[in-house]
N, C-alpha and C. Protein backbone atom coordinates (compact mmCIF):
# COMPACT_ATOMS: atom_id res chain seq x y z
N MET A 1 15.41 -11.13 -10.25
CA MET A 1 15.65 -10.63 -8.97
C MET A 1 14.76 -11.32 -7.98
N ILE A 2 15.39 -11.55 -6.91
CA ILE A 2 14.57 -12.38 -5.78
C ILE A 2 13.96 -11.40 -4.93
N THR A 3 12.68 -11.61 -4.78
CA THR A 3 11.81 -10.63 -3.86
C THR A 3 11.86 -11.16 -2.55
N LEU A 4 12.13 -10.41 -1.58
CA LEU A 4 12.28 -10.82 -0.17
C LEU A 4 11.00 -10.21 0.59
N THR A 5 10.48 -11.13 1.44
CA THR A 5 9.07 -10.67 1.95
C THR A 5 9.21 -10.60 3.65
N THR A 6 10.40 -11.06 4.05
CA THR A 6 10.45 -11.10 5.63
C THR A 6 11.83 -10.46 5.94
N ASP A 7 11.96 -10.03 7.15
CA ASP A 7 13.22 -9.40 7.67
C ASP A 7 14.15 -10.52 7.69
N GLU A 8 13.92 -11.70 8.13
CA GLU A 8 14.77 -12.87 8.16
C GLU A 8 15.29 -13.38 6.87
N ALA A 9 14.48 -13.23 5.84
CA ALA A 9 14.84 -13.52 4.55
C ALA A 9 15.97 -12.57 3.97
N PHE A 10 15.72 -11.38 4.26
CA PHE A 10 16.55 -10.21 4.09
C PHE A 10 18.07 -10.34 4.57
N ARG A 11 17.90 -10.63 5.90
CA ARG A 11 19.23 -10.81 6.57
C ARG A 11 20.11 -11.97 6.17
N GLU A 12 19.39 -13.10 5.81
CA GLU A 12 19.94 -14.29 5.26
C GLU A 12 20.52 -13.93 3.89
N ALA A 13 19.76 -13.17 3.10
CA ALA A 13 20.13 -12.86 1.62
C ALA A 13 21.48 -12.03 1.57
N VAL A 14 21.75 -11.06 2.68
CA VAL A 14 22.71 -10.20 2.68
C VAL A 14 23.85 -10.74 3.40
N ALA A 15 23.77 -11.93 4.11
CA ALA A 15 24.76 -12.33 4.92
C ALA A 15 25.93 -12.72 4.42
N GLY A 16 25.97 -13.20 3.09
CA GLY A 16 27.37 -13.70 2.47
C GLY A 16 27.52 -12.92 1.08
N GLY A 17 28.75 -12.83 0.62
CA GLY A 17 29.07 -12.33 -0.65
C GLY A 17 28.64 -10.89 -0.75
N LEU A 18 28.68 -10.34 -2.12
CA LEU A 18 28.11 -9.06 -2.36
C LEU A 18 26.80 -8.99 -3.00
N THR A 19 25.99 -8.32 -2.19
CA THR A 19 24.41 -8.34 -2.61
C THR A 19 24.06 -6.96 -2.61
N ILE A 20 23.20 -6.71 -3.83
CA ILE A 20 22.69 -5.47 -4.07
C ILE A 20 21.16 -5.44 -3.69
N ALA A 21 20.69 -4.76 -2.66
CA ALA A 21 19.37 -4.66 -2.21
C ALA A 21 18.76 -3.50 -2.86
N VAL A 22 17.66 -3.83 -3.69
CA VAL A 22 16.98 -2.74 -4.32
C VAL A 22 15.66 -2.57 -3.71
N PHE A 23 15.37 -1.36 -3.06
CA PHE A 23 14.21 -0.97 -2.21
C PHE A 23 13.29 -0.16 -3.26
N LYS A 24 12.06 -0.70 -3.45
CA LYS A 24 11.04 0.02 -4.14
C LYS A 24 9.70 -0.20 -3.65
N THR A 25 8.79 0.42 -4.34
CA THR A 25 7.31 0.07 -4.14
C THR A 25 6.61 0.00 -5.44
N THR A 26 5.33 -0.55 -5.14
CA THR A 26 4.43 -0.70 -6.33
C THR A 26 4.00 0.63 -6.95
N TRP A 27 3.90 1.70 -6.13
CA TRP A 27 3.28 2.97 -6.51
C TRP A 27 4.23 4.00 -6.95
N CYS A 28 5.55 3.48 -6.88
CA CYS A 28 6.56 4.66 -7.28
C CYS A 28 6.86 4.67 -8.76
N ALA A 29 6.72 5.81 -9.37
CA ALA A 29 6.80 5.91 -10.90
C ALA A 29 8.47 5.74 -11.22
N ASP A 30 9.32 6.22 -10.33
CA ASP A 30 10.60 6.14 -10.66
C ASP A 30 11.21 4.79 -10.52
N CYS A 31 10.43 3.93 -9.66
CA CYS A 31 10.80 2.54 -9.51
C CYS A 31 10.38 1.75 -10.81
N HIS A 32 9.25 2.08 -11.41
CA HIS A 32 8.86 1.36 -12.48
C HIS A 32 9.79 1.95 -13.73
N PHE A 33 10.29 2.97 -13.75
CA PHE A 33 11.21 3.46 -14.82
C PHE A 33 12.36 2.67 -14.90
N ILE A 34 12.98 1.99 -13.91
CA ILE A 34 14.22 1.19 -13.86
C ILE A 34 13.85 -0.23 -14.33
N ASP A 35 12.56 -0.78 -14.11
CA ASP A 35 12.17 -2.04 -14.46
C ASP A 35 12.65 -2.51 -15.74
N PRO A 36 12.52 -1.86 -16.87
CA PRO A 36 12.82 -2.56 -18.26
C PRO A 36 14.35 -2.89 -18.29
N PHE A 37 15.21 -2.19 -17.70
CA PHE A 37 16.68 -2.40 -17.84
C PHE A 37 17.29 -3.18 -16.64
N MET A 38 16.65 -3.41 -15.65
CA MET A 38 17.19 -4.01 -14.39
C MET A 38 17.62 -5.51 -14.76
N PRO A 39 16.72 -6.21 -15.42
CA PRO A 39 17.19 -7.60 -15.82
C PRO A 39 18.47 -7.70 -16.64
N ASP A 40 18.80 -6.74 -17.53
CA ASP A 40 19.92 -6.83 -18.25
C ASP A 40 21.26 -6.39 -17.37
N LEU A 41 20.93 -5.58 -16.41
CA LEU A 41 22.10 -5.24 -15.55
C LEU A 41 22.40 -6.43 -14.52
N GLU A 42 21.22 -7.15 -14.03
CA GLU A 42 21.38 -8.16 -13.31
C GLU A 42 22.26 -9.38 -14.00
N GLN A 43 21.90 -9.61 -15.31
CA GLN A 43 22.71 -10.51 -16.12
C GLN A 43 24.12 -9.98 -16.23
N ALA A 44 24.35 -8.76 -16.56
CA ALA A 44 25.67 -8.31 -16.77
C ALA A 44 26.58 -8.39 -15.62
N TYR A 45 25.95 -8.29 -14.43
CA TYR A 45 26.77 -8.30 -13.13
C TYR A 45 26.66 -9.62 -12.34
N ALA A 46 26.10 -10.67 -12.91
CA ALA A 46 25.72 -11.80 -12.37
C ALA A 46 26.87 -12.62 -11.79
N ASP A 47 28.06 -12.46 -12.41
CA ASP A 47 29.29 -13.14 -11.82
C ASP A 47 29.92 -12.25 -10.68
N ARG A 48 29.40 -11.13 -10.32
CA ARG A 48 30.12 -10.39 -9.21
C ARG A 48 29.04 -10.07 -8.16
N LEU A 49 27.83 -9.98 -8.44
CA LEU A 49 26.61 -9.51 -7.54
C LEU A 49 25.47 -10.48 -7.51
N THR A 50 24.87 -10.40 -6.34
CA THR A 50 23.44 -10.93 -6.35
C THR A 50 22.48 -9.74 -6.14
N PHE A 51 21.45 -9.89 -6.72
CA PHE A 51 20.45 -8.79 -6.51
C PHE A 51 19.23 -9.30 -5.77
N VAL A 52 18.72 -8.48 -4.87
CA VAL A 52 17.56 -8.86 -4.14
C VAL A 52 16.53 -7.56 -4.13
N HIS A 53 15.24 -7.85 -4.06
CA HIS A 53 14.16 -6.68 -4.20
C HIS A 53 13.47 -6.79 -2.94
N VAL A 54 13.33 -5.56 -2.41
CA VAL A 54 12.56 -5.35 -1.01
C VAL A 54 11.44 -4.31 -1.40
N ASP A 55 10.18 -4.64 -1.20
CA ASP A 55 9.12 -3.64 -1.20
C ASP A 55 9.06 -2.88 0.08
N ARG A 56 9.46 -1.67 0.03
CA ARG A 56 9.51 -0.88 1.24
C ARG A 56 8.04 -0.94 2.04
N ASP A 57 7.04 -0.98 1.43
CA ASP A 57 5.62 -1.08 2.13
C ASP A 57 5.44 -2.42 2.69
N ASP A 58 6.21 -3.38 2.12
CA ASP A 58 6.04 -4.79 2.83
C ASP A 58 6.83 -5.13 4.19
N LEU A 59 8.00 -4.30 4.16
CA LEU A 59 8.82 -4.37 5.33
C LEU A 59 9.24 -3.09 5.90
N PRO A 60 8.24 -2.27 6.45
CA PRO A 60 8.48 -0.92 6.99
C PRO A 60 9.51 -0.77 8.14
N ASP A 61 9.48 -1.81 8.98
CA ASP A 61 10.28 -1.76 10.14
C ASP A 61 11.80 -2.11 9.76
N LEU A 62 12.02 -2.97 8.65
CA LEU A 62 13.40 -3.14 8.17
C LEU A 62 13.91 -1.83 7.60
N CYS A 63 12.91 -1.33 6.79
CA CYS A 63 13.34 -0.16 5.94
C CYS A 63 13.61 1.15 6.85
N SER A 64 12.80 1.08 8.02
CA SER A 64 13.20 2.18 8.95
C SER A 64 14.43 2.05 9.69
N GLU A 65 14.76 0.78 9.92
CA GLU A 65 16.10 0.46 10.59
C GLU A 65 17.26 0.76 9.60
N LEU A 66 17.03 0.55 8.35
CA LEU A 66 18.14 0.91 7.40
C LEU A 66 18.04 2.34 6.83
N ASN A 67 17.09 3.08 7.40
CA ASN A 67 16.84 4.56 6.95
C ASN A 67 16.79 4.65 5.52
N ILE A 68 15.80 3.88 4.96
CA ILE A 68 15.38 3.90 3.60
C ILE A 68 14.30 5.03 3.50
N LEU A 69 14.63 6.11 2.98
CA LEU A 69 13.55 7.22 2.77
C LEU A 69 13.09 7.49 1.53
N GLY A 70 14.12 7.38 0.59
CA GLY A 70 13.84 7.67 -0.94
C GLY A 70 13.84 6.34 -1.70
N ILE A 71 13.00 6.15 -2.73
CA ILE A 71 13.05 5.01 -3.54
C ILE A 71 13.01 5.43 -5.04
N PRO A 72 13.58 4.53 -5.73
CA PRO A 72 14.26 3.45 -5.54
C PRO A 72 15.47 3.84 -4.79
N SER A 73 16.01 2.87 -3.75
CA SER A 73 17.24 2.98 -3.09
C SER A 73 17.98 1.65 -3.44
N PHE A 74 19.36 1.76 -3.59
CA PHE A 74 20.20 0.71 -3.68
C PHE A 74 21.18 0.75 -2.75
N ILE A 75 21.47 -0.52 -1.99
CA ILE A 75 22.37 -0.70 -0.91
C ILE A 75 23.20 -1.85 -1.29
N ALA A 76 24.50 -1.81 -1.30
CA ALA A 76 25.38 -2.92 -1.34
C ALA A 76 25.81 -3.54 0.04
N PHE A 77 25.57 -4.72 0.22
CA PHE A 77 25.98 -5.41 1.38
C PHE A 77 27.12 -6.49 1.01
N LYS A 78 28.05 -6.65 1.99
CA LYS A 78 28.98 -7.56 1.83
C LYS A 78 29.07 -8.25 3.35
N ASN A 79 28.95 -9.56 3.23
CA ASN A 79 28.95 -10.40 4.33
C ASN A 79 28.00 -9.73 5.56
N GLY A 80 26.93 -9.23 5.11
CA GLY A 80 25.97 -8.71 6.18
C GLY A 80 26.09 -7.22 6.54
N LYS A 81 27.05 -6.56 6.09
CA LYS A 81 27.43 -5.21 6.39
C LYS A 81 27.33 -4.40 5.15
N GLU A 82 26.65 -3.26 5.40
CA GLU A 82 26.57 -2.21 4.27
C GLU A 82 27.86 -1.70 3.85
N VAL A 83 28.11 -1.69 2.50
CA VAL A 83 29.34 -1.23 1.94
C VAL A 83 29.03 0.24 1.35
N ILE A 84 28.15 0.40 0.72
CA ILE A 84 27.84 1.53 -0.06
C ILE A 84 26.25 1.71 -0.33
N ARG A 85 25.85 2.98 -0.49
CA ARG A 85 24.48 3.02 -1.00
C ARG A 85 24.28 4.10 -2.07
N TYR A 86 23.32 3.99 -2.87
CA TYR A 86 22.87 5.02 -3.78
C TYR A 86 21.47 5.41 -3.64
N VAL A 87 21.34 6.55 -3.17
CA VAL A 87 20.10 7.18 -2.81
C VAL A 87 20.15 8.68 -3.18
N ASN A 88 18.97 9.12 -3.96
CA ASN A 88 18.80 10.48 -4.09
C ASN A 88 17.42 10.69 -4.55
N LYS A 89 16.98 11.90 -4.64
CA LYS A 89 15.51 12.24 -4.98
C LYS A 89 15.27 12.20 -6.41
N LEU A 90 16.34 11.96 -7.23
CA LEU A 90 16.31 12.08 -8.73
C LEU A 90 15.96 10.72 -9.32
N ARG A 91 15.21 10.76 -10.45
CA ARG A 91 15.13 9.59 -11.16
C ARG A 91 16.56 9.02 -11.62
N LYS A 92 16.71 7.66 -11.47
CA LYS A 92 18.06 7.14 -11.80
C LYS A 92 18.18 6.39 -13.05
N THR A 93 19.25 6.81 -13.73
CA THR A 93 19.26 6.21 -15.30
C THR A 93 20.10 4.95 -15.17
N ARG A 94 20.02 4.34 -16.18
CA ARG A 94 20.84 3.05 -16.39
C ARG A 94 22.30 3.38 -16.03
N GLU A 95 22.71 4.37 -16.76
CA GLU A 95 24.23 4.63 -16.55
C GLU A 95 24.68 4.95 -15.15
N GLU A 96 23.69 5.73 -14.39
CA GLU A 96 24.01 6.07 -13.02
C GLU A 96 23.92 4.83 -12.11
N ILE A 97 23.10 3.91 -12.50
CA ILE A 97 23.03 2.71 -11.58
C ILE A 97 24.32 1.75 -11.96
N GLU A 98 24.67 1.66 -13.22
CA GLU A 98 25.88 0.95 -13.61
C GLU A 98 27.11 1.45 -12.87
N GLN A 99 27.26 2.92 -12.83
CA GLN A 99 28.31 3.43 -12.03
C GLN A 99 28.31 3.03 -10.56
N PHE A 100 27.04 2.97 -9.99
CA PHE A 100 26.98 2.56 -8.51
C PHE A 100 27.51 1.04 -8.48
N LEU A 101 26.97 0.23 -9.30
CA LEU A 101 27.36 -1.05 -9.28
C LEU A 101 28.81 -1.31 -9.38
N ASP A 102 29.48 -0.74 -10.35
CA ASP A 102 30.90 -0.73 -10.47
C ASP A 102 31.51 -0.27 -9.19
N ARG A 103 31.21 0.81 -8.71
CA ARG A 103 31.75 1.33 -7.40
C ARG A 103 31.52 0.36 -6.31
N ALA A 104 30.36 -0.31 -6.31
CA ALA A 104 30.12 -1.33 -5.12
C ALA A 104 31.06 -2.29 -5.26
N VAL A 105 31.41 -2.89 -6.47
CA VAL A 105 32.35 -3.97 -6.81
C VAL A 105 33.70 -3.48 -6.33
N GLU A 106 34.05 -2.29 -6.57
CA GLU A 106 35.36 -1.85 -6.38
C GLU A 106 35.55 -1.60 -4.91
N VAL A 107 34.58 -1.07 -4.16
CA VAL A 107 34.68 -0.69 -2.65
C VAL A 107 34.72 -2.11 -2.03
N ALA A 108 33.88 -3.03 -2.34
CA ALA A 108 33.83 -4.44 -1.70
C ALA A 108 35.21 -5.10 -1.77
N ALA A 109 35.82 -4.89 -3.04
CA ALA A 109 37.12 -5.62 -3.21
C ALA A 109 38.27 -5.10 -2.44
N ALA A 110 38.05 -3.79 -2.09
CA ALA A 110 39.05 -3.10 -1.34
C ALA A 110 38.97 -3.44 0.24
N LEU A 111 37.94 -3.95 0.51
CA LEU A 111 37.59 -4.31 2.04
C LEU A 111 38.50 -5.53 2.47
N PRO A 112 38.91 -5.60 3.75
CA PRO A 112 39.62 -6.74 4.12
C PRO A 112 38.66 -8.11 3.95
N GLN A 113 39.44 -9.09 3.57
CA GLN A 113 38.55 -10.40 3.52
C GLN A 113 38.22 -11.05 4.75
N GLN A 114 37.09 -11.37 4.93
CA GLN A 114 36.63 -12.02 6.17
C GLN A 114 36.58 -13.49 6.15
């Protein structure tokens, strides 16, 4: 997963294709809970999705702009526009994240091509 450290890098990363932005922090226990299985998910979806990581503490203005309140948060972007997000206060399981990723692919495919 590519770690983005500037607003500009983020905007460039989500500008094309279908990108999943994962917002986390170093101190978040629920963020560390997903770490062991995220590489497997990235590999499984590599033909359909690009994954990027943003540390909420490193880019607070961007996260404020995107209304990132809970972490980890997942937002799917297609061609720079938000398609769907997965945010809640509960710990996220691998299965729940897979369901979100499948839904992101489905929703993005249903959008008009640009």
